[in-house]
N, C-alpha and C. Protein backbone atom coordinates (compact mmCIF):
# COMPACT_ATOMS: atom_id res chain seq x y z
N MET A 1 -167.94 219.34 257.34
CA MET A 1 -168.72 220.44 257.86
C MET A 1 -168.27 220.83 259.27
N VAL A 2 -168.00 219.83 260.11
CA VAL A 2 -167.54 220.11 261.47
C VAL A 2 -166.18 220.79 261.44
N ASP A 3 -165.32 220.37 260.50
CA ASP A 3 -164.00 221.01 260.38
C ASP A 3 -164.12 222.49 260.05
N ILE A 4 -165.07 222.83 259.18
CA ILE A 4 -165.28 224.24 258.83
C ILE A 4 -165.75 225.01 260.06
N ALA A 5 -166.71 224.46 260.77
CA ALA A 5 -167.22 225.12 261.98
C ALA A 5 -166.11 225.26 263.03
N LEU A 6 -165.25 224.26 263.14
CA LEU A 6 -164.15 224.32 264.10
C LEU A 6 -163.20 225.47 263.77
N VAL A 7 -162.86 225.63 262.52
CA VAL A 7 -161.98 226.72 262.11
C VAL A 7 -162.66 228.07 262.29
N VAL A 8 -163.95 228.15 261.97
CA VAL A 8 -164.69 229.42 262.14
C VAL A 8 -164.74 229.80 263.62
N ALA A 9 -165.03 228.84 264.49
CA ALA A 9 -165.08 229.13 265.94
C ALA A 9 -163.72 229.61 266.44
N GLN A 10 -162.67 228.94 265.99
CA GLN A 10 -161.32 229.37 266.38
C GLN A 10 -161.01 230.76 265.86
N ALA A 11 -161.39 231.03 264.61
CA ALA A 11 -161.11 232.33 264.00
C ALA A 11 -161.85 233.45 264.73
N LEU A 12 -163.10 233.21 265.09
CA LEU A 12 -163.85 234.21 265.86
C LEU A 12 -163.19 234.46 267.21
N LEU A 13 -162.80 233.40 267.88
CA LEU A 13 -162.15 233.54 269.17
C LEU A 13 -160.84 234.31 269.04
N VAL A 14 -160.03 233.97 268.07
CA VAL A 14 -158.75 234.66 267.86
C VAL A 14 -158.99 236.14 267.55
N ALA A 15 -159.97 236.43 266.72
CA ALA A 15 -160.29 237.83 266.40
C ALA A 15 -160.70 238.59 267.66
N LEU A 16 -161.54 237.98 268.49
CA LEU A 16 -161.96 238.63 269.74
C LEU A 16 -160.77 238.83 270.68
N LEU A 17 -159.92 237.83 270.80
CA LEU A 17 -158.77 237.95 271.70
C LEU A 17 -157.85 239.10 271.31
N TRP A 18 -157.59 239.23 270.00
CA TRP A 18 -156.67 240.28 269.54
C TRP A 18 -157.28 241.68 269.63
N THR A 19 -158.60 241.79 269.49
CA THR A 19 -159.20 243.12 269.32
C THR A 19 -159.95 243.68 270.51
N HIS A 20 -160.49 242.86 271.39
CA HIS A 20 -161.47 243.37 272.35
C HIS A 20 -160.93 244.40 273.34
N ASP A 21 -159.63 244.46 273.56
CA ASP A 21 -159.06 245.48 274.44
C ASP A 21 -158.47 246.67 273.68
N TRP A 22 -158.49 246.62 272.35
CA TRP A 22 -157.78 247.62 271.56
C TRP A 22 -158.65 248.41 270.60
N ILE A 23 -159.60 247.76 269.98
CA ILE A 23 -160.41 248.41 268.94
C ILE A 23 -161.81 248.66 269.48
N PRO A 24 -162.28 249.91 269.45
CA PRO A 24 -163.63 250.18 269.94
C PRO A 24 -164.68 249.41 269.13
N LEU A 25 -165.53 248.71 269.84
CA LEU A 25 -166.59 247.91 269.21
C LEU A 25 -167.96 248.38 269.71
N GLY A 26 -168.12 249.68 269.81
CA GLY A 26 -169.38 250.24 270.29
C GLY A 26 -169.62 249.86 271.73
N ARG A 27 -170.83 249.41 272.03
CA ARG A 27 -171.19 249.05 273.40
C ARG A 27 -170.63 247.69 273.84
N PHE A 28 -169.96 247.00 272.93
CA PHE A 28 -169.44 245.68 273.27
C PHE A 28 -168.12 245.73 274.04
N ASN A 29 -167.46 246.88 274.03
CA ASN A 29 -166.26 247.03 274.85
C ASN A 29 -166.09 248.50 275.22
N ASP A 30 -165.18 248.75 276.14
CA ASP A 30 -164.89 250.11 276.59
C ASP A 30 -163.37 250.22 276.67
N VAL A 31 -162.76 250.54 275.54
CA VAL A 31 -161.31 250.57 275.43
C VAL A 31 -160.72 251.57 276.43
N ALA A 32 -161.36 252.72 276.58
CA ALA A 32 -160.84 253.74 277.50
C ALA A 32 -160.83 253.22 278.94
N ALA A 33 -161.87 252.53 279.34
CA ALA A 33 -161.93 251.99 280.71
C ALA A 33 -160.87 250.91 280.92
N VAL A 34 -160.66 250.07 279.92
CA VAL A 34 -159.64 249.03 280.02
C VAL A 34 -158.26 249.66 280.13
N ARG A 35 -158.01 250.67 279.30
CA ARG A 35 -156.70 251.35 279.35
C ARG A 35 -156.53 252.13 280.64
N GLY A 36 -157.62 252.58 281.23
CA GLY A 36 -157.53 253.26 282.51
C GLY A 36 -157.22 252.32 283.66
N ALA A 37 -157.59 251.06 283.50
CA ALA A 37 -157.37 250.06 284.55
C ALA A 37 -156.02 249.38 284.45
N ASP A 38 -155.47 249.31 283.23
CA ASP A 38 -154.20 248.62 283.01
C ASP A 38 -153.27 249.49 282.17
N SER A 39 -151.98 249.35 282.40
CA SER A 39 -151.00 250.08 281.60
C SER A 39 -150.94 249.50 280.20
N THR A 40 -150.44 250.29 279.27
CA THR A 40 -150.29 249.80 277.89
C THR A 40 -149.37 248.60 277.85
N ALA A 41 -148.29 248.64 278.62
CA ALA A 41 -147.35 247.51 278.64
C ALA A 41 -148.04 246.23 279.11
N ARG A 42 -148.86 246.34 280.14
CA ARG A 42 -149.58 245.16 280.64
C ARG A 42 -150.58 244.67 279.60
N LEU A 43 -151.29 245.59 278.96
CA LEU A 43 -152.26 245.19 277.93
C LEU A 43 -151.57 244.49 276.76
N VAL A 44 -150.41 244.99 276.35
CA VAL A 44 -149.65 244.35 275.27
C VAL A 44 -149.26 242.94 275.70
N ALA A 45 -148.72 242.81 276.91
CA ALA A 45 -148.29 241.49 277.40
C ALA A 45 -149.46 240.53 277.48
N VAL A 46 -150.57 240.98 278.06
CA VAL A 46 -151.75 240.11 278.20
C VAL A 46 -152.28 239.71 276.83
N THR A 47 -152.34 240.67 275.91
CA THR A 47 -152.84 240.37 274.57
C THR A 47 -151.96 239.33 273.88
N LEU A 48 -150.66 239.49 273.97
CA LEU A 48 -149.75 238.52 273.34
C LEU A 48 -149.86 237.15 273.98
N ILE A 49 -149.87 237.11 275.31
CA ILE A 49 -149.93 235.83 276.02
C ILE A 49 -151.23 235.09 275.74
N GLN A 50 -152.34 235.83 275.69
CA GLN A 50 -153.63 235.16 275.50
C GLN A 50 -153.95 234.90 274.03
N SER A 51 -153.35 235.65 273.12
CA SER A 51 -153.74 235.55 271.71
C SER A 51 -152.80 234.72 270.86
N LEU A 52 -151.51 234.85 271.09
CA LEU A 52 -150.54 234.20 270.22
C LEU A 52 -150.69 232.68 270.16
N PRO A 53 -150.84 231.97 271.29
CA PRO A 53 -150.96 230.51 271.19
C PRO A 53 -152.16 230.06 270.35
N PHE A 54 -153.28 230.77 270.48
CA PHE A 54 -154.48 230.38 269.74
C PHE A 54 -154.38 230.76 268.27
N THR A 55 -153.62 231.81 267.98
CA THR A 55 -153.35 232.18 266.59
C THR A 55 -152.49 231.11 265.93
N VAL A 56 -151.48 230.64 266.64
CA VAL A 56 -150.61 229.58 266.11
C VAL A 56 -151.42 228.30 265.89
N LEU A 57 -152.27 227.94 266.84
CA LEU A 57 -153.09 226.73 266.68
C LEU A 57 -154.03 226.86 265.49
N LEU A 58 -154.63 228.02 265.32
CA LEU A 58 -155.49 228.24 264.15
C LEU A 58 -154.69 228.11 262.86
N ALA A 59 -153.51 228.71 262.83
CA ALA A 59 -152.65 228.62 261.63
C ALA A 59 -152.28 227.17 261.34
N LEU A 60 -151.99 226.40 262.37
CA LEU A 60 -151.65 224.99 262.17
C LEU A 60 -152.85 224.20 261.65
N CYS A 61 -154.04 224.51 262.16
CA CYS A 61 -155.25 223.85 261.65
C CYS A 61 -155.45 224.17 260.17
N LEU A 62 -155.22 225.41 259.81
CA LEU A 62 -155.35 225.81 258.40
C LEU A 62 -154.26 225.17 257.55
N ALA A 63 -153.06 225.03 258.10
CA ALA A 63 -151.96 224.40 257.36
C ALA A 63 -152.25 222.93 257.07
N HIS A 64 -153.03 222.30 257.92
CA HIS A 64 -153.37 220.88 257.74
C HIS A 64 -154.78 220.70 257.19
N TRP A 65 -155.33 221.75 256.63
CA TRP A 65 -156.68 221.70 256.06
C TRP A 65 -156.74 220.64 254.96
N GLY A 66 -157.77 219.84 254.98
CA GLY A 66 -157.97 218.84 253.93
C GLY A 66 -157.19 217.56 254.13
N GLU A 67 -156.50 217.45 255.23
CA GLU A 67 -155.75 216.23 255.53
C GLU A 67 -156.02 215.87 256.99
N PRO A 68 -155.74 214.64 257.37
CA PRO A 68 -155.96 214.28 258.77
C PRO A 68 -155.12 215.17 259.69
N ARG A 69 -155.75 215.65 260.73
CA ARG A 69 -155.05 216.51 261.69
C ARG A 69 -154.07 215.65 262.48
N PRO A 70 -152.81 216.07 262.58
CA PRO A 70 -151.84 215.30 263.37
C PRO A 70 -152.29 215.16 264.83
N HIS A 71 -151.98 214.02 265.40
CA HIS A 71 -152.38 213.75 266.79
C HIS A 71 -151.86 214.83 267.74
N GLY A 72 -150.62 215.25 267.53
CA GLY A 72 -150.03 216.28 268.38
C GLY A 72 -150.80 217.59 268.33
N LEU A 73 -151.31 217.95 267.15
CA LEU A 73 -152.10 219.17 267.02
C LEU A 73 -153.44 219.01 267.74
N THR A 74 -154.07 217.86 267.57
CA THR A 74 -155.33 217.62 268.26
C THR A 74 -155.13 217.69 269.77
N LEU A 75 -154.07 217.09 270.26
CA LEU A 75 -153.76 217.14 271.69
C LEU A 75 -153.51 218.58 272.15
N ALA A 76 -152.75 219.33 271.37
CA ALA A 76 -152.48 220.74 271.71
C ALA A 76 -153.76 221.56 271.74
N LEU A 77 -154.67 221.31 270.80
CA LEU A 77 -155.96 222.01 270.79
C LEU A 77 -156.74 221.70 272.06
N TRP A 78 -156.82 220.42 272.40
CA TRP A 78 -157.55 220.03 273.62
C TRP A 78 -156.96 220.68 274.85
N ILE A 79 -155.65 220.64 274.97
CA ILE A 79 -154.99 221.21 276.16
C ILE A 79 -155.20 222.72 276.22
N ALA A 80 -154.91 223.41 275.13
CA ALA A 80 -154.98 224.87 275.13
C ALA A 80 -156.40 225.38 275.38
N TYR A 81 -157.36 224.82 274.67
CA TYR A 81 -158.74 225.30 274.83
C TYR A 81 -159.34 224.87 276.16
N SER A 82 -158.91 223.74 276.71
CA SER A 82 -159.37 223.34 278.04
C SER A 82 -158.83 224.28 279.11
N ILE A 83 -157.56 224.66 278.99
CA ILE A 83 -156.97 225.62 279.93
C ILE A 83 -157.67 226.96 279.81
N LEU A 84 -157.93 227.40 278.58
CA LEU A 84 -158.62 228.68 278.38
C LEU A 84 -160.01 228.64 279.00
N LEU A 85 -160.76 227.57 278.76
CA LEU A 85 -162.10 227.46 279.33
C LEU A 85 -162.04 227.43 280.86
N ALA A 86 -161.08 226.71 281.41
CA ALA A 86 -160.93 226.68 282.88
C ALA A 86 -160.66 228.08 283.42
N GLY A 87 -159.83 228.85 282.74
CA GLY A 87 -159.56 230.22 283.15
C GLY A 87 -160.79 231.10 283.06
N GLU A 88 -161.56 230.92 282.00
CA GLU A 88 -162.80 231.69 281.83
C GLU A 88 -163.81 231.34 282.92
N LEU A 89 -163.92 230.06 283.22
CA LEU A 89 -164.84 229.63 284.28
C LEU A 89 -164.40 230.20 285.63
N ARG A 90 -163.11 230.12 285.91
CA ARG A 90 -162.59 230.62 287.18
C ARG A 90 -162.68 232.14 287.26
N GLY A 91 -162.35 232.81 286.19
CA GLY A 91 -162.29 234.27 286.22
C GLY A 91 -163.63 234.97 286.14
N TRP A 92 -164.58 234.33 285.46
CA TRP A 92 -165.87 234.99 285.25
C TRP A 92 -167.04 234.26 285.90
N TRP A 93 -167.19 232.99 285.61
CA TRP A 93 -168.42 232.29 285.97
C TRP A 93 -168.45 231.83 287.42
N TRP A 94 -167.33 231.44 287.98
CA TRP A 94 -167.30 231.06 289.39
C TRP A 94 -167.67 232.24 290.28
N PRO A 95 -167.04 233.42 290.11
CA PRO A 95 -167.45 234.55 290.96
C PRO A 95 -168.85 235.08 290.64
N TYR A 96 -169.31 234.86 289.42
CA TYR A 96 -170.65 235.33 289.05
C TYR A 96 -171.72 234.40 289.61
N LEU A 97 -171.51 233.09 289.51
CA LEU A 97 -172.55 232.13 289.87
C LEU A 97 -172.41 231.52 291.26
N VAL A 98 -171.17 231.36 291.74
CA VAL A 98 -170.96 230.54 292.93
C VAL A 98 -170.43 231.32 294.13
N ARG A 99 -169.27 231.90 293.98
CA ARG A 99 -168.61 232.51 295.13
C ARG A 99 -168.22 233.95 294.82
N PRO A 100 -168.83 234.90 295.50
CA PRO A 100 -168.52 236.32 295.24
C PRO A 100 -167.04 236.64 295.44
N ASP A 101 -166.54 237.51 294.60
CA ASP A 101 -165.17 238.01 294.70
C ASP A 101 -165.28 239.52 294.56
N PRO A 102 -165.46 240.24 295.67
CA PRO A 102 -165.71 241.68 295.61
C PRO A 102 -164.63 242.47 294.87
N ALA A 103 -163.37 242.10 295.03
CA ALA A 103 -162.30 242.82 294.33
C ALA A 103 -162.41 242.63 292.82
N ARG A 104 -162.65 241.40 292.40
CA ARG A 104 -162.80 241.13 290.96
C ARG A 104 -164.04 241.83 290.43
N ALA A 105 -165.13 241.78 291.17
CA ALA A 105 -166.36 242.44 290.74
C ALA A 105 -166.14 243.94 290.56
N ALA A 106 -165.41 244.56 291.48
CA ALA A 106 -165.13 246.00 291.37
C ALA A 106 -164.28 246.29 290.14
N ARG A 107 -163.28 245.45 289.89
CA ARG A 107 -162.42 245.62 288.70
C ARG A 107 -163.25 245.46 287.42
N TYR A 108 -164.09 244.44 287.37
CA TYR A 108 -164.92 244.21 286.19
C TYR A 108 -165.91 245.36 285.98
N ARG A 109 -166.47 245.88 287.06
CA ARG A 109 -167.39 247.03 286.92
C ARG A 109 -166.66 248.23 286.33
N THR A 110 -165.42 248.46 286.78
CA THR A 110 -164.63 249.57 286.26
C THR A 110 -164.33 249.38 284.77
N MET A 111 -163.92 248.19 284.40
CA MET A 111 -163.49 247.93 283.02
C MET A 111 -164.65 247.68 282.06
N PHE A 112 -165.71 247.05 282.54
CA PHE A 112 -166.77 246.59 281.64
C PHE A 112 -168.16 247.08 282.02
N GLY A 113 -168.25 247.93 283.03
CA GLY A 113 -169.54 248.36 283.55
C GLY A 113 -170.39 249.15 282.56
N ARG A 114 -169.75 249.78 281.57
CA ARG A 114 -170.52 250.55 280.58
C ARG A 114 -170.70 249.79 279.27
N THR A 115 -170.38 248.51 279.28
CA THR A 115 -170.54 247.72 278.06
C THR A 115 -171.88 246.99 278.10
N HIS A 116 -172.26 246.46 276.95
CA HIS A 116 -173.54 245.75 276.84
C HIS A 116 -173.47 244.42 277.59
N ALA A 117 -174.48 244.16 278.37
CA ALA A 117 -174.62 242.87 279.06
C ALA A 117 -176.10 242.51 279.06
N PHE A 118 -176.39 241.25 278.80
CA PHE A 118 -177.79 240.81 278.80
C PHE A 118 -178.12 239.97 280.03
N LEU A 119 -177.10 239.55 280.77
CA LEU A 119 -177.32 238.79 281.99
C LEU A 119 -177.54 239.75 283.16
N PRO A 120 -178.31 239.32 284.16
CA PRO A 120 -178.54 240.19 285.31
C PRO A 120 -177.28 240.31 286.18
N VAL A 121 -177.18 241.40 286.90
CA VAL A 121 -176.08 241.58 287.84
C VAL A 121 -176.25 240.56 288.97
N ARG A 122 -175.15 239.92 289.29
CA ARG A 122 -175.16 238.92 290.36
C ARG A 122 -173.78 238.99 291.01
N ASN A 123 -173.75 238.98 292.31
CA ASN A 123 -172.48 239.07 293.05
C ASN A 123 -171.65 240.29 292.64
N GLY A 124 -172.33 241.36 292.28
CA GLY A 124 -171.66 242.63 292.03
C GLY A 124 -171.29 242.94 290.59
N PHE A 125 -171.54 242.02 289.66
CA PHE A 125 -171.23 242.29 288.25
C PHE A 125 -172.04 241.36 287.36
N ALA A 126 -172.01 241.65 286.08
CA ALA A 126 -172.61 240.77 285.07
C ALA A 126 -171.60 240.59 283.95
N PRO A 127 -171.34 239.37 283.51
CA PRO A 127 -170.45 239.18 282.36
C PRO A 127 -171.00 239.95 281.16
N ASN A 128 -170.14 240.72 280.51
CA ASN A 128 -170.62 241.49 279.37
C ASN A 128 -170.75 240.60 278.13
N THR A 129 -171.47 241.11 277.16
CA THR A 129 -171.79 240.33 275.96
C THR A 129 -170.54 239.87 275.22
N ALA A 130 -169.53 240.74 275.13
CA ALA A 130 -168.30 240.36 274.42
C ALA A 130 -167.62 239.17 275.09
N HIS A 131 -167.57 239.16 276.41
CA HIS A 131 -166.95 238.03 277.09
C HIS A 131 -167.81 236.78 277.03
N VAL A 132 -169.12 236.93 277.07
CA VAL A 132 -169.99 235.77 276.89
C VAL A 132 -169.75 235.16 275.51
N ALA A 133 -169.62 236.00 274.48
CA ALA A 133 -169.34 235.51 273.12
C ALA A 133 -167.99 234.80 273.07
N LEU A 134 -166.99 235.39 273.70
CA LEU A 134 -165.67 234.79 273.74
C LEU A 134 -165.71 233.41 274.42
N HIS A 135 -166.39 233.34 275.55
CA HIS A 135 -166.48 232.08 276.28
C HIS A 135 -167.29 231.04 275.51
N ALA A 136 -168.32 231.50 274.81
CA ALA A 136 -169.11 230.59 273.97
C ALA A 136 -168.26 230.03 272.84
N CYS A 137 -167.41 230.85 272.24
CA CYS A 137 -166.51 230.36 271.19
C CYS A 137 -165.55 229.32 271.74
N THR A 138 -165.06 229.54 272.95
CA THR A 138 -164.16 228.56 273.57
C THR A 138 -164.87 227.23 273.77
N ALA A 139 -166.06 227.28 274.37
CA ALA A 139 -166.82 226.05 274.61
C ALA A 139 -167.20 225.37 273.30
N LEU A 140 -167.63 226.16 272.32
CA LEU A 140 -167.99 225.61 271.02
C LEU A 140 -166.80 224.93 270.35
N THR A 141 -165.63 225.54 270.47
CA THR A 141 -164.43 224.94 269.89
C THR A 141 -164.17 223.56 270.49
N LEU A 142 -164.31 223.43 271.80
CA LEU A 142 -164.10 222.13 272.44
C LEU A 142 -165.17 221.12 272.02
N ILE A 143 -166.41 221.57 271.92
CA ILE A 143 -167.49 220.67 271.48
C ILE A 143 -167.23 220.20 270.06
N LEU A 144 -166.88 221.13 269.18
CA LEU A 144 -166.61 220.76 267.78
C LEU A 144 -165.39 219.86 267.67
N LEU A 145 -164.40 220.11 268.49
CA LEU A 145 -163.20 219.28 268.49
C LEU A 145 -163.55 217.83 268.83
N ALA A 146 -164.53 217.65 269.70
CA ALA A 146 -164.95 216.29 270.08
C ALA A 146 -165.58 215.55 268.90
N PHE A 147 -166.19 216.30 267.98
CA PHE A 147 -166.89 215.68 266.85
C PHE A 147 -166.14 215.79 265.53
N ALA A 148 -165.06 216.54 265.51
CA ALA A 148 -164.31 216.74 264.26
C ALA A 148 -163.56 215.47 263.88
N PRO A 149 -163.51 215.21 262.58
CA PRO A 149 -162.71 214.06 262.14
C PRO A 149 -161.25 214.26 262.52
N ARG A 150 -160.59 213.21 262.84
CA ARG A 150 -159.19 213.30 263.27
C ARG A 150 -158.27 213.40 262.10
């Protein structure tokens, strides 16, 4: 059961990574604002850099479905998702909760200010719902990895 949840959490995260800057998702993203803030070339590069490693890890998990996960794959999952979570904490939650970053807050307001957010504005911005979901998938993946059979 934990293995199924682990793959589902990874799949949701991978889907969000590939789509959230490209496909309009109603109030959950603002593709026009994102494209106004970054060039297409930069968006392509960022999407590939942030999405491809997690897509490969998901594919490897699926390739080893029903058998013990190789130690190297488990280690790669821990490293990759820990780095991703650290980046999410540094990029979003540290400036939101601990130390204001006015330049980052202004950029986030430009890119995500018209998207749905349920958290109150703090230090000049509020993490939007899509990014909260993405970060929750990252944390959930690490939690499930801790309990998944090896």
